[in-house]
Amino acid sequence: MNKTFREKIIDDIFKYSRETNSFEIIEKKYSSLNKKILIKELIQVGIMPEVFNHDSSEEKLWSKFSDIILARSLNIIGLKSEVLRTRGNSADVISKCKKYSLVSDAKCFRLSRTAKNQKDFKVKSLDDWRRKDTYALLVSPLSQYPADKSQIYPQAFSQNVTLLSYLHLQFLIKFGIKGDLEKLWQLPVYIKKKYDKDLQHRGTTYWHAVDEIVCNITKQNSEMLKKYKQNEIDKTREVGLEGINYWKSKFRKFSKLTKQQAIKLLIKSEKIESKIETIKKAIAKIDIIE
């Protein structure tokens, strides 16, 4: 049976995550994906595979992979983009065109994770990272953005950070830029003109404005965008089943363990022995100082 695009990427992440040049390997392999593949597969990039352990090298490499795909997507819609190698106090992707530049960040989430809050989206950080760059962009799965009254919407509005979904990015790639793309990076201007002041900081207002601008830029109607939203729902369900099947297999495996095996596995998962050794080393350093 042929593997899906997602399964092939997961295999590559497991294969190369321990390599010192893992980012370069993944970038070389995926930074030139064609438009057809991106349109078909982009939605699932923001969904972290459940098979990767939390904070593992595989999880980190998938996040870098999402940056590579974001840069490729922005290149296709007309912005010369690259993934920045530096980590820490900077955005992940930088884009440039004749009139302006753009700093961007791609977000990935596990479907098994429950609550997302404003800190997960780093709107304020993106505002800080732009420095001399004109605009800032954050891309996340549409379904993972917070509810209507989250603080990220007034933050995005006041700091002019564009919140976008992989769905909207997919739509832009599919139909092409036929209007002024810069309108998308100037959402507060549009929202101030179109909506009453008491509605300007609402999530529903924000996404309604995004939908209208994206349709305007691509010269498509809202019904076409609705079809793409349904596609995101279908793709999320598909990837969700992948996660459910993974955790069901874990459940079956754990159910067969003896009591002693379960205790050993728990000790390993909590990294108890490693933590004891780390404390011992810290104490030893204190003794040396004395």
Protein backbone atom coordinates (compact mmCIF):
# COMPACT_ATOMS: atom_id res chain seq x y z
CA MET A 1 0.00 0.00 0.00
CA ASN A 2 1.37 3.40 -1.01
CA LYS A 3 2.06 5.82 1.84
CA THR A 4 0.36 9.19 2.04
CA PHE A 5 2.29 12.45 1.79
CA ARG A 6 1.95 12.92 5.56
CA GLU A 7 3.22 9.41 6.30
CA LYS A 8 6.28 10.01 4.11
CA ILE A 9 7.07 13.24 5.96
CA ILE A 10 6.68 11.53 9.35
CA ASP A 11 9.07 8.80 8.18
CA ASP A 12 11.60 11.44 7.10
CA ILE A 13 11.30 13.29 10.41
CA PHE A 14 12.03 10.07 12.33
CA LYS A 15 14.87 9.21 9.92
CA TYR A 16 16.70 12.54 10.03
CA SER A 17 15.80 14.13 13.39
CA ARG A 18 18.98 12.86 15.06
CA GLU A 19 21.26 14.16 12.32
CA THR A 20 23.24 17.34 13.05
CA ASN A 21 22.12 18.78 9.69
CA SER A 22 18.51 17.60 9.96
CA PHE A 23 17.08 21.01 9.06
CA GLU A 24 19.21 21.27 5.92
CA ILE A 25 18.13 17.77 4.82
CA ILE A 26 14.42 18.53 5.27
CA GLU A 27 14.77 21.97 3.70
CA LYS A 28 16.49 20.55 0.63
CA LYS A 29 13.78 17.92 0.22
CA TYR A 30 10.69 20.06 0.83
CA SER A 31 11.52 23.71 0.12
CA SER A 32 10.62 23.39 -3.57
CA LEU A 33 7.28 21.59 -3.31
CA ASN A 34 5.11 22.40 -6.29
CA LYS A 35 1.88 24.35 -6.13
CA LYS A 36 -0.31 21.28 -6.72
CA ILE A 37 1.07 19.41 -3.69
CA LEU A 38 0.83 22.48 -1.45
CA ILE A 39 -2.82 23.04 -2.36
CA LYS A 40 -3.60 19.43 -1.53
CA GLU A 41 -1.51 18.99 1.62
CA LEU A 42 -1.05 22.40 3.27
CA ILE A 43 -3.95 22.12 5.74
CA GLN A 44 -2.34 19.29 7.72
CA VAL A 45 1.04 20.98 8.19
CA GLY A 46 -0.22 22.77 11.30
CA ILE A 47 -1.30 19.52 12.99
CA MET A 48 1.55 17.98 14.99
CA PRO A 49 1.66 14.15 14.65
CA GLU A 50 0.76 12.35 17.88
CA VAL A 51 3.52 9.80 17.24
CA PHE A 52 6.16 12.38 18.16
CA ASN A 53 6.99 12.63 21.86
CA HIS A 54 6.50 16.02 23.47
CA ASP A 55 9.58 18.26 23.21
CA SER A 56 11.41 15.57 21.22
CA SER A 57 13.83 16.18 18.35
CA GLU A 58 11.08 14.92 16.03
CA GLU A 59 8.58 17.48 17.34
CA LYS A 60 11.13 20.27 16.91
CA LEU A 61 12.00 19.18 13.38
CA TRP A 62 8.32 19.11 12.39
CA SER A 63 8.04 22.72 13.62
CA LYS A 64 11.01 23.63 11.41
CA PHE A 65 9.35 21.75 8.55
CA SER A 66 6.27 23.97 9.00
CA ASP A 67 8.53 27.05 8.67
CA ILE A 68 9.93 25.64 5.43
CA ILE A 69 6.40 25.11 4.07
CA LEU A 70 5.32 28.60 5.14
CA ALA A 71 8.31 30.14 3.34
CA ARG A 72 7.54 28.09 0.23
CA SER A 73 3.87 29.15 0.33
CA LEU A 74 4.76 32.83 0.62
CA ASN A 75 7.20 32.48 -2.26
CA ILE A 76 4.42 31.10 -4.46
CA ILE A 77 2.14 34.06 -3.74
CA GLY A 78 4.86 36.52 -4.70
CA LEU A 79 6.96 37.21 -1.59
CA LYS A 80 10.64 36.28 -1.71
CA SER A 81 10.93 34.29 1.52
CA GLU A 82 13.44 32.27 3.52
CA VAL A 83 13.59 30.49 6.85
CA LEU A 84 15.94 32.17 9.30
CA ARG A 85 18.55 29.86 10.81
CA THR A 86 18.79 31.77 14.08
CA ARG A 87 16.47 30.80 16.92
CA GLY A 88 15.40 32.76 19.95
CA ASN A 89 14.74 36.45 19.66
CA SER A 90 13.62 36.48 16.01
CA ALA A 91 10.81 35.39 13.73
CA ASP A 92 11.09 32.11 11.81
CA VAL A 93 10.50 33.40 8.27
CA ILE A 94 11.45 36.66 6.57
CA SER A 95 9.82 37.80 3.31
CA LYS A 96 10.53 40.73 1.04
CA CYS A 97 9.04 42.44 -1.99
CA LYS A 98 9.60 45.84 -3.63
CA LYS A 99 7.27 47.77 -1.31
CA TYR A 100 7.69 46.09 2.08
CA SER A 101 9.01 43.18 4.13
CA LEU A 102 7.23 40.68 6.38
CA VAL A 103 8.21 38.57 9.39
CA SER A 104 6.23 35.36 9.91
CA ASP A 105 5.75 32.50 12.35
CA ALA A 106 4.08 29.13 11.67
CA LYS A 107 2.28 27.42 14.54
CA CYS A 108 1.64 23.68 14.95
CA PHE A 109 -0.66 22.06 17.52
CA ARG A 110 -1.57 18.55 18.60
CA LEU A 111 -5.26 17.76 18.33
CA SER A 112 -4.93 16.01 21.71
CA ARG A 113 -3.99 19.27 23.40
CA THR A 114 -7.00 20.91 25.02
CA ALA A 115 -6.64 24.60 25.87
CA LYS A 116 -4.75 27.14 23.81
CA ASN A 117 -4.19 30.60 25.25
CA GLN A 118 -2.81 33.88 24.00
CA LYS A 119 0.76 32.99 25.05
CA ASP A 120 0.78 30.11 22.55
CA PHE A 121 0.45 32.52 19.65
CA LYS A 122 3.20 35.05 20.49
CA VAL A 123 1.46 38.04 18.93
CA LYS A 124 3.47 40.48 21.06
CA SER A 125 6.71 38.68 20.16
CA LEU A 126 5.97 39.00 16.46
CA ASP A 127 5.43 42.72 16.94
CA ASP A 128 8.84 42.96 18.66
CA TRP A 129 10.57 40.80 16.03
CA ARG A 130 9.49 42.92 13.08
CA ARG A 131 12.01 45.68 13.97
CA LYS A 132 12.54 47.53 10.68
CA ASP A 133 10.34 45.10 8.81
CA THR A 134 6.99 46.55 7.90
CA TYR A 135 4.49 43.81 8.67
CA ALA A 136 4.07 40.67 10.79
CA LEU A 137 2.15 37.43 10.13
CA LEU A 138 1.14 34.43 12.23
CA VAL A 139 -0.22 31.27 10.58
CA SER A 140 -2.07 28.54 12.51
CA PRO A 141 -4.81 25.98 11.82
CA LEU A 142 -8.10 27.91 11.79
CA SER A 143 -9.69 25.46 14.24
CA GLN A 144 -6.91 26.05 16.78
CA TYR A 145 -7.32 29.80 17.12
CA PRO A 146 -9.02 30.88 20.39
CA ALA A 147 -12.69 31.73 20.72
CA ASP A 148 -14.37 35.04 19.97
CA LYS A 149 -13.28 37.05 23.03
CA SER A 150 -9.64 35.99 23.30
CA GLN A 151 -7.04 38.68 23.97
CA ILE A 152 -5.10 37.74 20.83
CA TYR A 153 -7.63 39.64 18.68
CA PRO A 154 -7.28 43.07 20.32
CA GLN A 155 -3.51 42.41 20.44
CA ALA A 156 -3.40 41.63 16.72
CA PHE A 157 -5.58 44.66 16.03
CA SER A 158 -3.57 47.17 18.10
CA GLN A 159 -0.14 45.84 17.05
CA ASN A 160 -1.07 45.18 13.42
CA VAL A 161 -0.08 41.50 13.41
CA THR A 162 -2.01 39.56 10.77
CA LEU A 163 -3.52 36.29 11.97
CA LEU A 164 -4.02 33.88 9.10
CA SER A 165 -4.90 30.20 8.80
CA TYR A 166 -3.36 27.49 6.63
CA LEU A 167 -6.78 27.35 4.99
CA HIS A 168 -6.61 30.99 3.86
CA LEU A 169 -3.02 30.52 2.72
CA GLN A 170 -4.09 27.48 0.70
CA PHE A 171 -6.87 29.56 -0.88
CA LEU A 172 -4.41 32.30 -1.87
CA ILE A 173 -2.10 29.74 -3.48
CA LYS A 174 -4.93 28.02 -5.35
CA PHE A 175 -6.49 31.12 -6.92
CA GLY A 176 -3.49 33.45 -7.06
CA ILE A 177 -3.07 37.10 -6.11
CA LYS A 178 -5.25 39.26 -8.35
CA GLY A 179 -5.61 42.21 -5.98
CA ASP A 180 -3.46 44.10 -3.49
CA LEU A 181 -1.92 41.57 -1.10
CA GLU A 182 -0.81 44.39 1.19
CA LYS A 183 -4.45 44.83 2.28
CA LEU A 184 -4.06 41.57 4.19
CA TRP A 185 -1.17 42.99 6.21
CA GLN A 186 -3.23 46.11 7.00
CA LEU A 187 -6.27 44.43 8.59
CA PRO A 188 -6.82 47.07 11.33
CA VAL A 189 -7.31 49.73 8.64
CA TYR A 190 -10.02 47.62 7.01
CA ILE A 191 -11.68 46.71 10.32
CA LYS A 192 -11.78 50.34 11.50
CA LYS A 193 -13.52 51.40 8.30
CA LYS A 194 -16.02 48.55 8.18
CA TYR A 195 -17.02 47.69 11.77
CA ASP A 196 -18.40 49.55 14.78
CA LYS A 197 -15.88 50.24 17.52
CA ASP A 198 -17.50 47.83 20.00
CA LEU A 199 -17.07 44.97 17.47
CA GLN A 200 -13.51 45.68 16.35
CA HIS A 201 -11.79 43.49 18.95
CA ARG A 202 -13.97 40.41 18.47
CA GLY A 203 -12.70 37.18 16.94
CA THR A 204 -15.80 36.83 14.76
CA THR A 205 -15.17 40.31 13.37
CA TYR A 206 -11.51 39.54 12.72
CA TRP A 207 -12.18 36.33 10.76
CA HIS A 208 -15.05 37.88 8.84
CA ALA A 209 -12.64 40.63 7.73
CA VAL A 210 -9.96 38.08 6.80
CA ASP A 211 -12.50 36.15 4.69
CA GLU A 212 -13.59 39.29 2.86
CA ILE A 213 -10.07 40.48 2.11
CA VAL A 214 -8.90 37.04 0.95
CA CYS A 215 -11.89 36.78 -1.39
CA ASN A 216 -11.21 40.30 -2.66
CA ILE A 217 -7.53 39.59 -3.32
CA THR A 218 -8.26 36.34 -5.18
CA LYS A 219 -11.44 37.62 -6.89
CA GLN A 220 -13.40 34.65 -5.56
CA ASN A 221 -16.76 34.59 -3.80
CA SER A 222 -17.51 33.56 -0.23
CA GLU A 223 -19.19 30.32 -1.35
CA MET A 224 -15.91 29.09 -2.79
CA LEU A 225 -14.14 29.90 0.47
CA LYS A 226 -16.83 27.95 2.37
CA LYS A 227 -15.99 24.88 0.29
CA TYR A 228 -12.37 25.20 1.34
CA LYS A 229 -13.39 25.51 4.97
CA GLN A 230 -15.26 22.22 4.61
CA ASN A 231 -12.08 20.75 3.15
CA GLU A 232 -10.21 21.77 6.31
CA ILE A 233 -12.85 20.06 8.45
CA ASP A 234 -12.55 16.87 6.39
CA LYS A 235 -8.74 16.89 6.47
CA THR A 236 -8.67 17.56 10.23
CA ARG A 237 -11.01 14.60 10.79
CA GLU A 238 -8.75 12.43 8.65
CA VAL A 239 -5.62 13.42 10.58
CA GLY A 240 -7.61 13.11 13.82
CA LEU A 241 -8.31 9.46 13.06
CA GLU A 242 -4.56 8.98 12.63
CA GLY A 243 -4.07 10.28 16.18
CA ILE A 244 -6.94 8.24 17.62
CA ASN A 245 -5.57 5.05 16.08
CA TYR A 246 -2.12 5.81 17.50
CA TRP A 247 -3.42 6.27 21.05
CA LYS A 248 -5.68 3.20 20.77
CA SER A 249 -2.62 1.13 19.82
CA LYS A 250 -0.82 2.56 22.87
CA PHE A 251 -3.80 1.65 25.05
CA ARG A 252 -3.78 -1.94 23.77
CA LYS A 253 -0.03 -2.19 24.33
CA PHE A 254 -0.22 -0.84 27.90
CA SER A 255 -3.15 -3.11 28.73
CA LYS A 256 -0.98 -6.16 28.13
CA LEU A 257 1.82 -5.07 30.49
CA THR A 258 2.47 -6.82 33.78
CA LYS A 259 2.46 -4.72 36.95
CA GLN A 260 6.27 -4.75 37.08
CA GLN A 261 6.56 -3.74 33.42
CA ALA A 262 4.08 -0.90 33.97
CA ILE A 263 6.09 0.40 36.95
CA LYS A 264 9.33 0.36 34.89
CA LEU A 265 7.63 2.19 32.04
CA LEU A 266 6.25 4.82 34.41
CA ILE A 267 9.68 5.38 35.97
CA LYS A 268 11.17 5.76 32.50
CA SER A 269 8.46 8.16 31.29
CA GLU A 270 8.94 10.38 34.35
CA LYS A 271 12.73 10.32 33.81
CA ILE A 272 13.12 9.73 37.54
CA GLU A 273 16.58 8.15 37.39
CA SER A 274 17.85 10.92 35.11
CA LYS A 275 16.50 13.59 37.46
CA ILE A 276 18.21 11.94 40.46
CA GLU A 277 21.53 11.94 38.58
CA THR A 278 21.10 15.60 37.61
CA ILE A 279 20.48 16.56 41.26
CA LYS A 280 23.55 14.57 42.36
CA LYS A 281 25.70 16.44 39.80
CA ALA A 282 24.34 19.77 41.02
CA ILE A 283 25.18 18.85 44.62
CA ALA A 284 28.67 17.74 43.56
CA LYS A 285 29.27 21.16 41.98
CA ILE A 286 28.31 22.84 45.26
CA ASP A 287 30.84 20.68 47.12
CA ILE A 288 33.57 21.78 44.68
CA ILE A 289 32.72 25.45 45.26
CA GLU A 290 33.03 24.99 49.02
